[in-house]
């Protein structure tokens, strides 16, 4: 499929593995590869598992792109927010098997899917935009507002608080934490369980549940394009 996003299909489960350097930076090419892989997963009618490398899902957007100019930064953020919207409305279940750190856009990937499994260990999960001097974008705020627990939302978005894996469960970034060696098995078990549900009912119910969020994100993406320039 791609050197950046490998695609492995087995027994109706498509595993998408992100591999882009030591922090798995989310670049324009990575987002393009994500979309190609998701197109294939729809054709294959597969439950999707997204994962990364041992110790990291992603450290966020490619900072080289983000600092190369306003146009490039806006383009990348727009593409990333559009990917989040696509994941939220994907017609088949999407799982993230988070093998370690998930920071900034890496954490937003966790907020964009249906089920999230993390691993025990000294890992940081959260939104560090404010910490590194970036004002949070509208789409990110609305996604976090919808998916994080109310008690964690302000701490995460405004204070840039980072969470350990168990704290990330409490905050709403993760649903479950397992030992690192159990991650792959736990993700496959979750995928096999989700394969048993009626996919038409899953798709239609997902779109009903997330209708307001998807509409809010559409407006937020437009706001970000206007205000980030």
Protein backbone atom coordinates (compact mmCIF):
# COMPACT_ATOMS: atom_id res chain seq x y z
CA UNK A 1 0.00 0.00 0.00
CA UNK A 2 2.65 2.53 1.10
CA UNK A 3 5.92 2.72 2.97
CA UNK A 4 4.23 5.24 5.28
CA UNK A 5 1.06 3.23 5.94
CA UNK A 6 1.31 -0.52 5.47
CA UNK A 7 -1.94 -2.41 4.81
CA UNK A 8 -2.50 -5.97 5.95
CA UNK A 9 -5.85 -7.67 5.32
CA UNK A 10 -6.68 -10.93 7.06
CA UNK A 11 -10.04 -12.45 7.93
CA UNK A 12 -11.94 -9.25 7.22
CA UNK A 13 -9.66 -7.11 9.39
CA UNK A 14 -7.44 -4.44 7.80
CA UNK A 15 -4.45 -3.39 9.90
CA UNK A 16 -2.97 0.00 8.97
CA UNK A 17 0.50 0.50 10.44
CA UNK A 18 1.97 4.00 10.51
CA UNK A 19 5.72 4.15 9.93
CA UNK A 20 7.25 7.59 9.40
CA UNK A 21 10.43 8.11 11.39
CA UNK A 22 10.94 7.83 15.12
CA UNK A 23 7.92 10.00 16.02
CA UNK A 24 5.60 8.83 13.21
CA UNK A 25 5.03 12.43 12.14
CA UNK A 26 1.73 13.14 10.36
CA UNK A 27 2.73 14.72 7.03
CA UNK A 28 0.71 15.44 3.88
CA UNK A 29 2.03 12.20 2.40
CA UNK A 30 0.99 10.24 5.50
CA UNK A 31 -2.54 11.66 5.29
CA UNK A 32 -2.71 10.77 1.59
CA UNK A 33 -1.58 7.24 2.45
CA UNK A 34 -4.21 7.05 5.22
CA UNK A 35 -6.94 7.99 2.76
CA UNK A 36 -5.76 5.44 0.20
CA UNK A 37 -5.71 2.73 2.86
CA UNK A 38 -9.18 3.68 4.10
CA UNK A 39 -10.47 3.56 0.50
CA UNK A 40 -9.15 0.00 0.25
CA UNK A 41 -10.63 -0.96 3.61
CA UNK A 42 -14.06 0.19 2.41
CA UNK A 43 -13.68 -1.94 -0.73
CA UNK A 44 -12.66 -4.87 1.46
CA UNK A 45 -15.57 -4.19 3.86
CA UNK A 46 -13.06 -4.63 6.65
CA UNK A 47 -12.96 -3.68 10.30
CA UNK A 48 -9.95 -1.33 10.62
CA UNK A 49 -7.12 -1.41 13.15
CA UNK A 50 -4.75 1.59 13.14
CA UNK A 51 -1.44 1.19 14.93
CA UNK A 52 2.13 2.51 14.98
CA UNK A 53 5.59 1.37 16.01
CA UNK A 54 6.58 -0.05 19.42
CA UNK A 55 6.45 2.84 21.89
CA UNK A 56 4.63 5.35 19.70
CA UNK A 57 1.46 5.89 17.71
CA UNK A 58 2.38 9.42 16.59
CA UNK A 59 3.97 12.57 17.96
CA UNK A 60 1.70 14.78 15.84
CA UNK A 61 1.95 16.88 12.71
CA UNK A 62 5.25 17.12 10.87
CA UNK A 63 6.79 20.25 12.39
CA UNK A 64 8.90 20.88 9.29
CA UNK A 65 5.68 21.37 7.35
CA UNK A 66 3.97 23.31 10.15
CA UNK A 67 6.82 25.83 10.34
CA UNK A 68 7.47 26.15 6.61
CA UNK A 69 4.76 28.79 6.11
CA UNK A 70 1.14 29.68 6.89
CA UNK A 71 -0.19 28.18 3.65
CA UNK A 72 1.52 24.84 4.28
CA UNK A 73 0.41 24.76 7.91
CA UNK A 74 -3.23 25.53 7.06
CA UNK A 75 -3.21 22.91 4.32
CA UNK A 76 -1.87 20.22 6.65
CA UNK A 77 -4.26 21.07 9.50
CA UNK A 78 -7.19 21.09 7.06
CA UNK A 79 -6.20 17.70 5.68
CA UNK A 80 -5.76 16.33 9.20
CA UNK A 81 -9.13 17.61 10.39
CA UNK A 82 -10.77 16.21 7.28
CA UNK A 83 -9.15 12.83 8.01
CA UNK A 84 -10.54 12.97 11.56
CA UNK A 85 -13.98 13.66 10.15
CA UNK A 86 -13.63 10.75 7.75
CA UNK A 87 -12.62 8.37 10.53
CA UNK A 88 -15.57 9.49 12.66
CA UNK A 89 -17.96 8.65 9.82
CA UNK A 90 -16.18 5.56 8.43
CA UNK A 91 -18.83 2.96 7.48
CA UNK A 92 -17.07 0.11 9.32
CA UNK A 93 -15.68 -0.03 12.87
CA UNK A 94 -12.28 1.59 13.45
CA UNK A 95 -9.96 0.61 16.32
CA UNK A 96 -6.70 2.22 17.35
CA UNK A 97 -4.09 -0.04 18.93
CA UNK A 98 -1.89 2.63 20.54
CA UNK A 99 1.56 1.13 21.27
CA UNK A 100 2.86 4.03 23.37
CA UNK A 101 2.97 7.82 23.06
CA UNK A 102 0.14 9.66 21.29
CA UNK A 103 0.69 13.40 21.23
CA UNK A 104 -1.16 16.27 19.50
CA UNK A 105 -2.49 14.87 16.19
CA UNK A 106 -1.55 11.43 17.48
CA UNK A 107 -3.98 11.94 20.36
CA UNK A 108 -6.59 13.36 17.99
CA UNK A 109 -6.45 10.06 16.09
CA UNK A 110 -7.57 8.41 19.34
CA UNK A 111 -10.51 10.83 19.51
CA UNK A 112 -11.56 10.05 15.92
CA UNK A 113 -12.28 6.31 16.11
CA UNK A 114 -14.69 3.85 17.69
CA UNK A 115 -12.49 1.93 20.15
CA UNK A 116 -9.02 2.65 21.57
CA UNK A 117 -6.59 0.28 23.29
CA UNK A 118 -3.37 1.57 24.85
CA UNK A 119 -0.44 -0.07 26.62
CA UNK A 120 0.99 0.12 30.12
CA UNK A 121 4.24 2.01 30.46
CA UNK A 122 5.86 5.45 30.81
CA UNK A 123 3.92 6.91 27.91
CA UNK A 124 2.35 10.35 27.41
CA UNK A 125 -1.01 10.84 25.76
CA UNK A 126 -2.60 14.21 25.19
CA UNK A 127 -2.76 17.55 23.44
CA UNK A 128 0.40 19.60 23.93
CA UNK A 129 -0.37 22.37 21.44
CA UNK A 130 -0.57 25.15 24.05
CA UNK A 131 2.62 23.89 25.70
CA UNK A 132 4.58 24.33 22.44
CA UNK A 133 3.07 27.72 21.61
CA UNK A 134 0.26 26.75 19.24
CA UNK A 135 -3.24 28.13 19.74
CA UNK A 136 -5.63 25.18 19.48
CA UNK A 137 -7.54 25.07 16.19
CA UNK A 138 -11.34 25.12 16.14
CA UNK A 139 -11.71 21.58 14.79
CA UNK A 140 -9.45 20.22 17.51
CA UNK A 141 -11.37 22.02 20.24
CA UNK A 142 -14.71 20.66 19.01
CA UNK A 143 -13.40 17.11 18.62
CA UNK A 144 -11.94 17.19 22.13
CA UNK A 145 -15.11 18.77 23.53
CA UNK A 146 -17.20 15.92 22.16
CA UNK A 147 -14.95 12.95 22.95
CA UNK A 148 -13.18 13.83 26.22
CA UNK A 149 -14.76 13.63 29.63
CA UNK A 150 -15.96 17.04 30.76
CA UNK A 151 -13.60 17.04 33.76
CA UNK A 152 -10.58 16.50 31.48
CA UNK A 153 -11.51 18.74 28.54
CA UNK A 154 -10.29 22.07 29.91
CA UNK A 155 -7.23 20.50 31.54
CA UNK A 156 -6.30 18.91 28.23
CA UNK A 157 -7.05 21.66 25.74
CA UNK A 158 -6.30 24.82 27.76
CA UNK A 159 -3.62 23.53 30.16
CA UNK A 160 -1.96 21.05 27.75
CA UNK A 161 -2.02 18.41 30.50
CA UNK A 162 -0.51 15.12 29.41
CA UNK A 163 -1.83 11.82 30.74
CA UNK A 164 -0.27 8.45 31.46
CA UNK A 165 -2.12 5.51 29.86
CA UNK A 166 -4.48 4.90 32.79
CA UNK A 167 -5.11 8.63 33.13
CA UNK A 168 -5.87 8.66 29.40
CA UNK A 169 -8.63 6.12 30.01
CA UNK A 170 -10.12 8.34 32.71
CA UNK A 171 -9.85 11.41 30.43
CA UNK A 172 -11.46 9.73 27.43
CA UNK A 173 -8.52 9.23 25.08
CA UNK A 174 -8.44 5.45 25.60
CA UNK A 175 -11.00 2.78 26.41
CA UNK A 176 -8.66 0.08 27.72
CA UNK A 177 -5.01 -0.46 28.68
CA UNK A 178 -3.16 -3.77 28.34
CA UNK A 179 0.43 -4.97 28.66
CA UNK A 180 2.50 -4.14 25.55
CA UNK A 181 2.82 -7.79 24.56
CA UNK A 182 -0.96 -8.14 24.69
CA UNK A 183 -1.79 -5.18 22.42
CA UNK A 184 -1.98 -7.00 19.10
CA UNK A 185 -4.08 -9.81 20.53
CA UNK A 186 -6.41 -7.40 22.30
CA UNK A 187 -6.92 -5.36 19.13
CA UNK A 188 -7.65 -8.47 17.08
CA UNK A 189 -10.07 -9.73 19.72
CA UNK A 190 -11.89 -6.38 19.67
CA UNK A 191 -11.97 -6.44 15.86
CA UNK A 192 -13.39 -9.97 15.80
CA UNK A 193 -16.06 -8.92 18.30
CA UNK A 194 -16.97 -5.89 16.21
CA UNK A 195 -17.17 -8.06 13.09
CA UNK A 196 -20.23 -9.70 14.65
CA UNK A 197 -22.34 -6.53 14.62
CA UNK A 198 -24.59 -5.56 11.72
CA UNK A 199 -22.52 -3.20 9.61
CA UNK A 200 -25.44 -1.33 8.08
CA UNK A 201 -26.88 -0.67 11.52
CA UNK A 202 -23.41 0.32 12.77
CA UNK A 203 -22.93 2.83 9.95
CA UNK A 204 -26.39 4.36 10.21
CA UNK A 205 -26.30 4.59 14.00
CA UNK A 206 -22.79 6.09 13.96
CA UNK A 207 -23.95 8.81 11.57
CA UNK A 208 -26.98 9.56 13.78
CA UNK A 209 -24.93 9.68 16.98
CA UNK A 210 -22.23 11.88 15.44
CA UNK A 211 -24.44 14.04 13.22
CA UNK A 212 -24.05 17.18 15.34
CA UNK A 213 -20.30 16.63 15.77
CA UNK A 214 -19.74 16.12 12.04
CA UNK A 215 -21.68 19.29 11.22
CA UNK A 216 -19.73 21.20 13.88
CA UNK A 217 -16.44 19.91 12.46
CA UNK A 218 -17.42 20.99 8.94
CA UNK A 219 -17.95 24.53 10.22
CA UNK A 220 -14.79 24.41 12.35
CA UNK A 221 -12.65 23.35 9.39
CA UNK A 222 -13.89 26.39 7.46
CA UNK A 223 -13.19 28.64 10.47
CA UNK A 224 -9.66 27.27 10.73
CA UNK A 225 -8.97 27.94 7.08
CA UNK A 226 -10.08 31.54 7.58
CA UNK A 227 -8.32 32.21 10.89
CA UNK A 228 -5.09 30.27 10.64
CA UNK A 229 -3.85 32.18 7.60
